[in-house]
Amino acid sequence: MAFSILSIFSSPFIFPLKTPKPFKPQKHRTITCCSQEPKRPSKNPQRPTSRNRKRTPYGTSRRSILKKTFTQEQVKFTAGVSADPHVGIIGGGMAGLICALNLEKRGVKSTVFDTGMHGLGGRMGTRVIDPQQLIFDHAAQLFTVSDSRFAELVEYWLEKGLVRQWQGLVGLLELGGQFVPLPSSAPRFIGVKGMRPLADSLLSETSMVNVVRPCWISKLEPFNGMWHLSENGRPRGKFDAIVIAHNGKCANRLLALSGLPLIARQMKRLELSSIWALLAAFEDPLPIGDGKVTFEGAFVKGVDSVSWMANNSMKLLGSHSNGPHCWTFFSTAAYGKRNKVPQENIPTATADKVKTSMLEGVEAALGLPKESLQRPFYARVQLWGAALPTNSPGIPCIFDPYGRAGICGDWLLGSNLESAALSGMALANHVSATVILLYSLVLFVLGLQTGKTILLSCLAVLFRLVIRLVLILYTSIIHYVDCGLFPKWWSLS
């Protein structure tokens, strides 16, 4: 993404060309999408207009789903949730996994659908190649901690031996081989065996989370008060609520005909950049000037094709590494944009061109003569087509209470693992509150709750009434904003 990237102190995914700026915390807020618009009076009360024509609510008729005006209609479930609420989570990155974990803490089961062929994690990617003993973190490089909620989670990971503090030398590498160490800052953390093993271990102790992968959810369909998910026509289950922990063109296509126009509109405002990753293994240490490279990670300045480089062998294996030297190189956003191709099917000619260009950039950054850099015995490129956001609304999540659907992801708050985790936590709170409250109200109406739970149910009813009034007020404000009477403060741009 032509990056709105945060600093090394808060941005672990893919790094920018320029020196990072200090992180400035923002006040967190959550967008709650509502869909009702003020009704316009009919000129002829005996013949309602199309806007006032009575429609069958979603969740009661298959026919309503097939209307040509479906993309303009908002899903509004009128039925309560099932006795055992089930949430579908599309995306198994940090945000989706943390959302699933927090739903389980509240007694709500979930199913995570992920496209990963080798494991979970999304951009928490680690590639291990045996028997050559090659290892690469080819997306998220590190993470830092600034929020107490995320700090509590990281402490647990430290106790379990899943992560450790990265003590390696990190700095700024200028064109020509001049390296300047970055001043000491907040502790940097990495996965002990890479980022992907950390992602895979997050759900190791869960009992209410099911994982389905590799799976490309291609359709969301509301029917009979439930969300029906399918993969290329193959049913993948029905759910009381859904979570979109995914972004980019795939998410936009998924939401285009889902009956969630307001959520789809917010997603379309997201702008993403493309980044090339080059994984290269060398027999010998890389030289720099008259010596050898001693740093483990560096921002690269003044080179168009390279913005970040990291020695995975030293970072992950440390002194135990006596084999090949495995490096990860990231391109700049500008370079990624100029050389963007379909990431699912990269042409061989483009891959060769990018390899050559990025290795030349590494050579220039290290201050080496042309064609003097040793040739890697292993080299592979990968395009992250939806790497980082260039714009961010600064909110933890977006939730539609009528359609029981929400979005979470690092792009809502920034571009780092902490933002992704906090986003997943926030949306889990909204989803669990919705499904648990609805189920509690059903039991209350049926008279199945007694004793102290009756008081809780009464409070729940009161709470729902207050929320209802707030939503009506909020909907009215949105209507007037659309008319130009108020500024569009919720815009992502």
Protein backbone atom coordinates (compact mmCIF):
# COMPACT_ATOMS: atom_id res chain seq x y z
CA MET A 1 0.00 0.00 0.00
CA ALA A 2 1.46 3.42 -0.75
CA PHE A 3 1.67 3.26 2.91
CA SER A 4 0.02 4.99 5.70
CA ILE A 5 2.48 2.85 7.64
CA LEU A 6 3.22 3.20 11.28
CA SER A 7 6.63 2.99 12.77
CA ILE A 8 8.72 -0.01 13.65
CA PHE A 9 7.32 0.40 17.12
CA SER A 10 3.86 -0.51 15.88
CA SER A 11 4.06 -1.88 12.34
CA PRO A 12 5.13 -5.49 12.07
CA PHE A 13 3.80 -6.52 8.69
CA ILE A 14 5.70 -4.88 5.86
CA PHE A 15 7.95 -1.93 6.23
CA PRO A 16 8.12 1.49 4.54
CA LEU A 17 10.90 3.22 2.68
CA LYS A 18 11.15 6.25 4.92
CA THR A 19 12.16 6.34 8.57
CA PRO A 20 9.13 5.50 10.72
CA LYS A 21 7.41 8.14 12.81
CA PRO A 22 6.42 7.75 16.46
CA PHE A 23 3.07 6.09 17.02
CA LYS A 24 0.26 8.39 18.13
CA PRO A 25 -2.59 6.51 19.81
CA GLN A 26 -6.08 7.36 18.64
CA LYS A 27 -9.34 7.29 20.48
CA HIS A 28 -11.09 4.05 19.62
CA ARG A 29 -14.62 4.12 18.36
CA THR A 30 -16.79 1.57 16.60
CA ILE A 31 -19.01 2.09 13.60
CA THR A 32 -22.38 0.41 14.01
CA CYS A 33 -24.18 0.14 10.69
CA CYS A 34 -27.94 0.62 10.58
CA SER A 35 -29.98 0.66 7.47
CA GLN A 36 -33.40 2.17 7.98
CA GLU A 37 -34.12 5.42 6.16
CA PRO A 38 -36.92 7.87 6.99
CA LYS A 39 -40.02 6.82 5.07
CA ARG A 40 -41.35 9.17 2.40
CA PRO A 41 -45.12 9.69 2.32
CA SER A 42 -46.92 8.20 -0.67
CA LYS A 43 -48.69 10.59 -3.02
CA ASN A 44 -51.52 8.09 -3.29
CA PRO A 45 -52.09 6.35 0.07
CA GLN A 46 -54.17 3.68 -1.70
CA ARG A 47 -51.19 2.76 -3.88
CA PRO A 48 -47.90 2.61 -1.99
CA THR A 49 -44.74 3.75 -3.70
CA SER A 50 -41.88 1.34 -4.31
CA ARG A 51 -40.10 2.74 -1.26
CA ASN A 52 -43.14 2.18 0.96
CA ARG A 53 -44.23 -1.12 -0.55
CA LYS A 54 -44.32 -3.79 2.10
CA ARG A 55 -41.54 -6.30 1.67
CA THR A 56 -41.07 -9.72 3.12
CA PRO A 57 -38.27 -9.44 5.69
CA TYR A 58 -35.09 -11.32 5.00
CA GLY A 59 -34.95 -14.66 6.70
CA THR A 60 -38.50 -15.70 5.83
CA SER A 61 -38.59 -16.12 2.06
CA ARG A 62 -36.14 -17.45 -0.50
CA ARG A 63 -37.91 -15.35 -3.13
CA SER A 64 -36.87 -12.10 -1.47
CA ILE A 65 -33.24 -13.12 -1.80
CA LEU A 66 -33.58 -13.44 -5.56
CA LYS A 67 -34.96 -9.96 -6.19
CA LYS A 68 -33.12 -7.89 -8.78
CA THR A 69 -32.84 -5.08 -6.25
CA PHE A 70 -31.03 -7.34 -3.80
CA THR A 71 -27.82 -5.31 -3.77
CA GLN A 72 -29.76 -2.23 -2.66
CA GLU A 73 -31.58 -4.02 0.14
CA GLN A 74 -30.37 -4.47 3.69
CA VAL A 75 -30.61 -7.79 5.46
CA LYS A 76 -32.69 -7.43 8.60
CA PHE A 77 -33.23 -10.63 10.54
CA THR A 78 -36.55 -10.70 12.38
CA ALA A 79 -36.17 -14.13 13.98
CA GLY A 80 -34.12 -14.81 17.09
CA VAL A 81 -30.87 -16.73 17.14
CA SER A 82 -30.71 -20.50 17.57
CA ALA A 83 -30.50 -22.21 20.96
CA ASP A 84 -26.80 -22.86 20.41
CA PRO A 85 -25.50 -19.76 18.57
CA HIS A 86 -22.85 -20.40 15.93
CA VAL A 87 -20.68 -17.71 14.30
CA GLY A 88 -18.97 -18.05 10.92
CA ILE A 89 -15.58 -16.30 10.68
CA ILE A 90 -14.13 -15.75 7.21
CA GLY A 91 -10.38 -15.25 7.53
CA GLY A 92 -7.88 -17.00 9.77
CA GLY A 93 -5.40 -14.20 10.36
CA MET A 94 -4.70 -12.63 13.74
CA ALA A 95 -8.01 -10.71 13.84
CA GLY A 96 -10.16 -13.72 12.95
CA LEU A 97 -8.36 -16.06 15.35
CA ILE A 98 -8.52 -13.65 18.29
CA CYS A 99 -12.21 -13.04 17.54
CA ALA A 100 -12.82 -16.81 17.71
CA LEU A 101 -10.88 -17.09 20.98
CA ASN A 102 -12.87 -14.31 22.61
CA LEU A 103 -16.17 -15.73 21.40
CA GLU A 104 -15.29 -19.03 23.09
CA LYS A 105 -14.58 -17.18 26.34
CA ARG A 106 -18.20 -15.98 26.19
CA GLY A 107 -19.58 -19.42 25.41
CA VAL A 108 -20.17 -18.86 21.70
CA LYS A 109 -18.90 -21.46 19.25
CA SER A 110 -17.48 -20.51 15.86
CA THR A 111 -16.05 -21.90 12.64
CA VAL A 112 -13.04 -20.24 11.02
CA PHE A 113 -12.74 -20.49 7.23
CA ASP A 114 -9.26 -19.79 5.87
CA THR A 115 -7.67 -20.04 2.43
CA GLY A 116 -4.25 -21.06 3.76
CA MET A 117 -2.79 -24.13 2.07
CA HIS A 118 -0.04 -24.68 4.65
CA GLY A 119 -1.58 -23.25 7.81
CA LEU A 120 -3.45 -20.39 9.44
CA GLY A 121 -2.19 -16.88 9.98
CA GLY A 122 -2.83 -14.82 6.86
CA ARG A 123 0.10 -12.41 6.77
CA MET A 124 1.64 -14.21 9.72
CA GLY A 125 3.41 -16.35 7.15
CA THR A 126 6.46 -18.58 7.67
CA ARG A 127 7.90 -20.80 4.96
CA VAL A 128 10.06 -23.76 5.99
CA ILE A 129 11.87 -25.77 3.32
CA ASP A 130 13.25 -29.19 4.23
CA PRO A 131 15.70 -30.84 4.09
CA GLN A 132 17.68 -27.68 3.28
CA GLN A 133 16.82 -26.17 6.69
CA LEU A 134 15.59 -22.95 5.12
CA ILE A 135 13.19 -20.75 7.09
CA PHE A 136 11.61 -17.42 6.14
CA ASP A 137 9.12 -15.07 7.80
CA HIS A 138 7.75 -13.75 4.52
CA ALA A 139 5.10 -11.32 5.83
CA ALA A 140 4.82 -10.13 9.46
CA GLN A 141 8.34 -9.57 10.76
CA LEU A 142 7.80 -8.57 14.39
CA PHE A 143 5.33 -6.90 16.73
CA THR A 144 5.37 -4.53 19.67
CA VAL A 145 2.99 -3.91 22.57
CA SER A 146 1.35 -0.65 23.65
CA ASP A 147 -2.14 -1.70 24.80
CA SER A 148 -2.73 -3.43 28.14
CA ARG A 149 -5.22 -5.90 26.64
CA PHE A 150 -2.73 -7.04 24.04
CA ALA A 151 0.04 -7.04 26.66
CA GLU A 152 -1.94 -9.58 28.69
CA LEU A 153 -2.16 -11.82 25.65
CA VAL A 154 1.56 -11.49 24.89
CA GLU A 155 2.42 -12.37 28.50
CA TYR A 156 0.52 -15.61 28.05
CA TRP A 157 2.43 -16.33 24.84
CA LEU A 158 5.72 -15.68 26.62
CA GLU A 159 4.79 -18.13 29.39
CA LYS A 160 3.92 -20.76 26.78
CA GLY A 161 7.18 -20.22 24.92
CA LEU A 162 5.41 -19.15 21.74
CA VAL A 163 7.14 -15.78 21.41
CA ARG A 164 10.32 -14.14 22.63
CA GLN A 165 11.89 -10.71 22.62
CA TRP A 166 13.97 -9.93 19.54
CA GLN A 167 17.34 -8.67 20.72
CA GLY A 168 18.88 -8.49 17.23
CA LEU A 169 20.35 -5.31 15.78
CA VAL A 170 17.81 -3.33 13.71
CA GLY A 171 18.50 -0.04 11.96
CA LEU A 172 18.39 2.12 8.85
CA LEU A 173 20.43 1.15 5.78
CA GLU A 174 21.08 3.97 3.33
CA LEU A 175 22.07 3.58 -0.30
CA GLY A 176 25.77 2.77 -0.47
CA GLY A 177 26.00 0.59 2.64
CA GLN A 178 25.78 3.11 5.48
CA PHE A 179 23.99 1.44 8.41
CA VAL A 180 22.68 3.41 11.38
CA PRO A 181 21.23 1.46 14.35
CA LEU A 182 17.81 2.59 15.53
CA PRO A 183 17.72 3.91 19.10
CA SER A 184 16.41 1.61 21.80
CA SER A 185 12.63 1.49 21.88
CA ALA A 186 9.77 -0.65 23.10
CA PRO A 187 10.64 -4.36 23.12
CA ARG A 188 10.22 -6.13 19.79
CA PHE A 189 8.72 -9.63 19.79
CA ILE A 190 8.88 -12.47 17.29
CA GLY A 191 7.50 -15.99 17.09
CA VAL A 192 10.01 -18.48 18.52
CA LYS A 193 9.71 -20.69 15.45
CA GLY A 194 8.33 -18.03 13.15
CA MET A 195 5.04 -16.20 12.86
CA ARG A 196 2.95 -19.01 11.36
CA PRO A 197 3.60 -21.48 14.22
CA LEU A 198 2.33 -18.76 16.57
CA ALA A 199 -0.89 -18.45 14.55
CA ASP A 200 -1.35 -22.24 14.40
CA SER A 201 -0.95 -22.52 18.18
CA LEU A 202 -3.55 -19.88 19.05
CA LEU A 203 -6.43 -22.35 18.77
CA SER A 204 -4.58 -25.37 20.19
CA GLU A 205 -6.45 -25.25 23.52
CA THR A 206 -9.91 -24.37 22.20
CA SER A 207 -12.91 -26.70 22.22
CA MET A 208 -15.58 -24.49 20.61
CA VAL A 209 -13.66 -23.37 17.52
CA ASN A 210 -13.66 -25.39 14.31
CA VAL A 211 -11.21 -24.63 11.48
CA VAL A 212 -11.91 -25.33 7.81
CA ARG A 213 -9.01 -24.85 5.37
CA PRO A 214 -8.16 -24.43 2.63
CA CYS A 215 -11.56 -22.95 1.88
CA TRP A 216 -12.62 -20.00 -0.28
CA ILE A 217 -16.07 -18.83 0.84
CA SER A 218 -17.65 -17.47 -2.34
CA LYS A 219 -21.19 -16.64 -1.24
CA LEU A 220 -23.10 -15.33 1.76
CA GLU A 221 -26.84 -15.95 1.64
CA PRO A 222 -29.41 -14.89 4.29
CA PHE A 223 -32.28 -17.36 4.65
CA ASN A 224 -34.66 -18.23 7.51
CA GLY A 225 -32.85 -16.06 10.04
CA MET A 226 -29.44 -17.59 9.34
CA TRP A 227 -26.43 -16.90 7.16
CA HIS A 228 -25.76 -19.72 4.68
CA LEU A 229 -22.14 -19.90 3.50
CA SER A 230 -20.99 -21.75 0.41
CA GLU A 231 -17.79 -22.44 -1.52
CA ASN A 232 -18.38 -22.53 -5.28
CA GLY A 233 -21.84 -23.99 -4.77
CA ARG A 234 -20.81 -26.36 -1.99
CA PRO A 235 -22.66 -25.62 1.29
CA ARG A 236 -20.34 -24.78 4.17
CA GLY A 237 -22.86 -24.39 6.97
CA LYS A 238 -25.38 -21.95 8.40
CA PHE A 239 -24.61 -19.39 11.10
CA ASP A 240 -26.40 -16.96 13.40
CA ALA A 241 -23.81 -14.25 12.71
CA ILE A 242 -20.82 -13.76 10.43
CA VAL A 243 -17.45 -12.07 10.79
CA ILE A 244 -15.44 -10.84 7.81
CA ALA A 245 -11.80 -10.92 8.94
CA HIS A 246 -10.56 -10.46 5.41
CA ASN A 247 -10.03 -7.59 2.98
CA GLY A 248 -9.11 -6.82 -0.60
CA LYS A 249 -10.87 -7.70 -3.83
CA CYS A 250 -12.00 -11.14 -2.59
CA ALA A 251 -13.83 -9.59 0.36
CA ASN A 252 -15.38 -6.95 -1.91
CA ARG A 253 -16.69 -9.63 -4.27
CA LEU A 254 -18.06 -11.59 -1.33
CA LEU A 255 -19.94 -8.58 0.07
CA ALA A 256 -21.16 -7.26 -3.28
CA LEU A 257 -24.33 -9.40 -3.31
CA SER A 258 -24.62 -10.24 0.36
CA GLY A 259 -27.36 -7.83 1.38
CA LEU A 260 -24.99 -5.82 3.57
CA PRO A 261 -24.65 -2.61 1.52
CA LEU A 262 -23.39 -0.38 4.32
CA ILE A 263 -20.65 -2.79 5.35
CA ALA A 264 -19.74 -3.31 1.69
CA ARG A 265 -19.51 0.46 1.23
CA GLN A 266 -17.08 0.78 4.12
CA MET A 267 -14.95 -2.06 2.76
CA LYS A 268 -14.78 -0.49 -0.69
CA ARG A 269 -13.35 2.71 0.79
CA LEU A 270 -10.31 0.77 1.90
CA GLU A 271 -7.24 1.37 -0.27
CA LEU A 272 -4.53 -1.27 -0.25
CA SER A 273 -1.00 -1.40 -1.60
CA SER A 274 0.91 -4.25 -3.20
CA ILE A 275 4.29 -5.45 -1.93
CA TRP A 276 6.71 -7.96 -3.41
CA ALA A 277 8.53 -10.32 -1.05
CA LEU A 278 11.76 -11.99 -2.15
CA LEU A 279 12.94 -15.02 -0.18
CA ALA A 280 16.61 -15.76 -0.87
CA ALA A 281 19.09 -18.20 0.68
CA PHE A 282 22.86 -17.63 0.40
CA GLU A 283 25.74 -19.95 1.20
CA ASP A 284 27.86 -17.20 2.78
CA PRO A 285 27.10 -14.09 4.88
CA LEU A 286 26.23 -10.97 2.89
CA PRO A 287 29.06 -8.41 2.66
CA ILE A 288 28.60 -4.70 3.34
CA GLY A 289 31.32 -2.28 2.32
CA ASP A 290 34.59 -3.84 3.48
CA GLY A 291 33.03 -6.07 6.12
CA LYS A 292 30.11 -8.43 6.73
CA VAL A 293 26.52 -7.64 7.58
CA THR A 294 25.96 -7.79 11.34
CA PHE A 295 22.41 -6.46 11.53
CA GLU A 296 19.37 -8.75 11.57
CA GLY A 297 16.87 -6.25 10.19
CA ALA A 298 17.06 -2.93 8.34
CA PHE A 299 14.84 -0.34 6.74
CA VAL A 300 16.32 0.46 3.35
CA LYS A 301 16.44 4.07 2.18
CA GLY A 302 17.16 5.36 -1.31
CA VAL A 303 16.49 2.11 -3.21
CA ASP A 304 13.32 1.89 -5.29
CA SER A 305 13.00 -1.89 -5.33
CA VAL A 306 13.80 -2.67 -1.66
CA SER A 307 12.38 -1.17 1.54
CA TRP A 308 13.19 -3.82 4.18
CA MET A 309 15.60 -6.72 4.64
CA ALA A 310 15.91 -9.26 7.46
CA ASN A 311 18.19 -12.20 8.19
CA ASN A 312 15.77 -14.96 9.19
CA SER A 313 18.55 -17.38 10.09
CA MET A 314 19.98 -15.05 12.72
CA LYS A 315 16.58 -13.79 13.87
CA LEU A 316 14.97 -17.20 14.36
CA LEU A 317 17.93 -19.52 14.94
CA GLY A 318 20.54 -17.16 16.42
CA SER A 319 23.87 -18.72 17.35
CA HIS A 320 22.47 -22.15 16.49
CA SER A 321 22.51 -21.19 12.82
CA ASN A 322 25.56 -22.60 11.05
CA GLY A 323 23.88 -23.33 7.73
CA PRO A 324 22.57 -21.17 4.89
CA HIS A 325 21.73 -17.50 5.38
CA CYS A 326 18.01 -16.98 4.71
CA TRP A 327 16.96 -13.42 3.92
CA THR A 328 13.56 -11.79 3.39
CA PHE A 329 13.45 -8.64 1.24
CA PHE A 330 10.38 -6.42 0.76
CA SER A 331 9.87 -4.02 -2.13
CA THR A 332 8.56 -0.49 -1.84
CA ALA A 333 4.86 0.16 -2.41
CA ALA A 334 5.64 2.15 -5.56
CA TYR A 335 7.59 -0.76 -7.01
CA GLY A 336 4.80 -3.16 -6.12
CA LYS A 337 2.23 -0.97 -7.86
CA ARG A 338 4.29 -0.71 -11.06
CA ASN A 339 4.85 -4.46 -11.23
CA LYS A 340 1.48 -5.71 -9.98
CA VAL A 341 0.11 -8.89 -11.55
CA PRO A 342 -2.51 -11.44 -10.41
CA GLN A 343 -0.93 -12.82 -7.25
CA GLU A 344 -2.57 -16.22 -7.69
CA ASN A 345 -0.84 -16.73 -11.04
CA ILE A 346 2.43 -14.79 -11.33
CA PRO A 347 3.91 -15.03 -14.85
CA THR A 348 7.38 -16.61 -14.93
CA ALA A 349 8.80 -13.62 -16.81
CA THR A 350 7.53 -11.23 -14.13
CA ALA A 351 8.89 -13.39 -11.32
CA ASP A 352 12.34 -13.49 -12.94
CA LYS A 353 12.29 -9.75 -13.54
CA VAL A 354 11.36 -8.99 -9.92
CA LYS A 355 14.04 -11.34 -8.55
CA THR A 356 16.74 -9.70 -10.65
CA SER A 357 15.58 -6.16 -9.88
CA MET A 358 15.32 -6.71 -6.12
CA LEU A 359 18.72 -8.43 -5.91
CA GLU A 360 20.22 -5.47 -7.76
CA GLY A 361 18.55 -3.22 -5.19
CA VAL A 362 20.08 -5.25 -2.35
CA GLU A 363 23.46 -4.95 -4.03
CA ALA A 364 23.12 -1.16 -4.24
CA ALA A 365 21.87 -0.84 -0.66
CA LEU A 366 24.89 -2.76 0.65
CA GLY A 367 27.28 -0.59 -1.38
CA LEU A 368 28.58 -3.47 -3.51
CA PRO A 369 29.87 -3.21 -7.10
CA LYS A 370 27.44 -4.29 -9.80
CA GLU A 371 27.09 -8.04 -10.26
CA SER A 372 29.32 -8.73 -7.26
CA LEU A 373 26.57 -10.03 -4.98
CA GLN A 374 26.71 -13.81 -4.61
CA ARG A 375 23.91 -15.64 -6.36
CA PRO A 376 21.36 -17.22 -4.00
CA PHE A 377 20.99 -20.98 -4.36
CA TYR A 378 17.31 -20.57 -3.50
CA ALA A 379 15.10 -17.63 -4.53
CA ARG A 380 11.34 -17.23 -4.59
CA VAL A 381 9.08 -14.19 -4.97
CA GLN A 382 5.59 -13.67 -3.60
CA LEU A 383 3.24 -10.78 -4.24
CA TRP A 384 1.14 -9.52 -1.36
CA GLY A 385 -1.62 -7.89 -3.39
CA ALA A 386 -3.42 -6.57 -0.30
CA ALA A 387 -0.44 -5.87 1.91
CA LEU A 388 -1.13 -2.73 3.94
CA PRO A 389 -3.80 0.00 3.99
CA THR A 390 -3.07 3.50 2.74
CA ASN A 391 -6.05 4.80 4.71
CA SER A 392 -7.51 3.78 8.05
CA PRO A 393 -10.66 4.90 9.92
CA GLY A 394 -9.07 4.51 13.36
CA ILE A 395 -11.86 2.32 14.76
CA PRO A 396 -11.61 -1.22 16.16
CA CYS A 397 -14.45 -2.81 14.16
CA ILE A 398 -17.58 -2.25 12.08
CA PHE A 399 -20.76 -4.07 13.09
CA ASP A 400 -24.23 -4.29 11.56
CA PRO A 401 -26.71 -5.34 14.29
CA TYR A 402 -29.61 -5.83 11.85
CA GLY A 403 -27.72 -8.22 9.62
CA ARG A 404 -25.69 -9.69 12.52
CA ALA A 405 -22.48 -9.20 10.54
CA GLY A 406 -19.23 -7.37 11.18
CA ILE A 407 -15.74 -6.61 9.91
CA CYS A 408 -12.48 -6.79 11.82
CA GLY A 409 -8.84 -6.49 10.81
CA ASP A 410 -5.62 -4.59 11.39
CA TRP A 411 -6.52 -2.08 8.65
CA LEU A 412 -9.26 -0.57 10.82
CA LEU A 413 -6.79 0.69 13.44
CA GLY A 414 -3.43 0.70 11.69
CA SER A 415 -1.27 -1.98 10.14
CA ASN A 416 0.16 -4.23 12.83
CA LEU A 417 -0.50 -7.38 14.83
CA GLU A 418 -1.65 -5.47 17.89
CA SER A 419 -4.27 -3.61 15.84
CA ALA A 420 -5.48 -6.90 14.38
CA ALA A 421 -5.81 -8.49 17.83
CA LEU A 422 -7.66 -5.50 19.32
CA SER A 423 -10.01 -5.44 16.34
CA GLY A 424 -10.85 -9.12 16.79
CA MET A 425 -11.50 -8.58 20.51
CA ALA A 426 -13.82 -5.63 19.84
CA LEU A 427 -15.93 -7.42 17.26
CA ALA A 428 -16.19 -10.52 19.45
CA ASN A 429 -17.70 -8.30 22.15
CA HIS A 430 -20.35 -6.97 19.74
CA VAL A 431 -21.20 -10.33 18.22
CA SER A 432 -21.41 -12.19 21.53
CA ALA A 433 -23.50 -9.44 23.11
CA THR A 434 -25.92 -9.63 20.19
CA VAL A 435 -26.38 -13.40 20.02
CA ILE A 436 -26.39 -13.93 23.79
CA LEU A 437 -28.84 -11.09 24.42
CA LEU A 438 -31.18 -12.31 21.70
CA TYR A 439 -31.16 -15.85 23.07
CA SER A 440 -31.73 -14.56 26.61
CA LEU A 441 -34.74 -12.58 25.42
CA VAL A 442 -36.23 -15.65 23.73
CA LEU A 443 -35.93 -17.65 26.96
CA PHE A 444 -37.44 -14.79 28.93
CA VAL A 445 -40.45 -14.56 26.63
CA LEU A 446 -40.95 -18.34 26.83
CA GLY A 447 -40.76 -18.20 30.62
CA LEU A 448 -37.78 -20.55 30.81
CA GLN A 449 -35.73 -18.25 33.02
CA THR A 450 -36.40 -17.92 36.74
CA GLY A 451 -34.86 -16.45 39.85
CA LYS A 452 -31.96 -14.07 39.40
CA THR A 453 -31.88 -14.63 35.65
CA ILE A 454 -35.27 -12.90 35.34
CA LEU A 455 -33.71 -9.66 36.59
CA LEU A 456 -30.88 -10.07 34.11
CA SER A 457 -33.35 -10.62 31.31
CA CYS A 458 -35.30 -7.50 32.30
CA LEU A 459 -32.10 -5.51 32.22
CA ALA A 460 -31.35 -7.03 28.83
CA VAL A 461 -34.75 -5.91 27.53
CA LEU A 462 -34.16 -2.38 28.83
CA PHE A 463 -30.71 -2.35 27.29
CA ARG A 464 -32.09 -3.42 23.93
CA LEU A 465 -34.69 -0.65 24.03
CA VAL A 466 -32.01 1.95 24.71
CA ILE A 467 -29.86 0.58 21.90
CA ARG A 468 -32.88 0.67 19.60
CA LEU A 469 -33.43 4.36 20.30
CA VAL A 470 -29.76 5.11 19.75
CA LEU A 471 -29.81 3.24 16.43
CA ILE A 472 -32.86 5.18 15.25
CA LEU A 473 -31.15 8.45 16.14
CA TYR A 474 -27.94 7.32 14.45
CA THR A 475 -29.84 6.32 11.29
CA SER A 476 -31.48 9.73 11.14
CA ILE A 477 -28.10 11.44 11.43
CA ILE A 478 -26.72 9.32 8.58
CA HIS A 479 -29.71 10.29 6.44
CA TYR A 480 -29.11 14.00 7.05
CA VAL A 481 -25.40 13.58 6.40
CA ASP A 482 -26.21 12.02 3.04
CA CYS A 483 -28.28 15.11 2.33
CA GLY A 484 -25.22 17.26 3.00
CA LEU A 485 -26.38 18.76 6.29
CA PHE A 486 -23.54 17.25 8.34
CA PRO A 487 -19.92 16.32 7.47
CA LYS A 488 -19.25 12.68 6.60
CA TRP A 489 -17.19 11.99 9.68
CA TRP A 490 -17.30 8.23 9.24
CA SER A 491 -15.54 8.28 5.84
CA LEU A 492 -12.35 6.25 5.60
CA SER A 493 -10.81 8.61 3.07
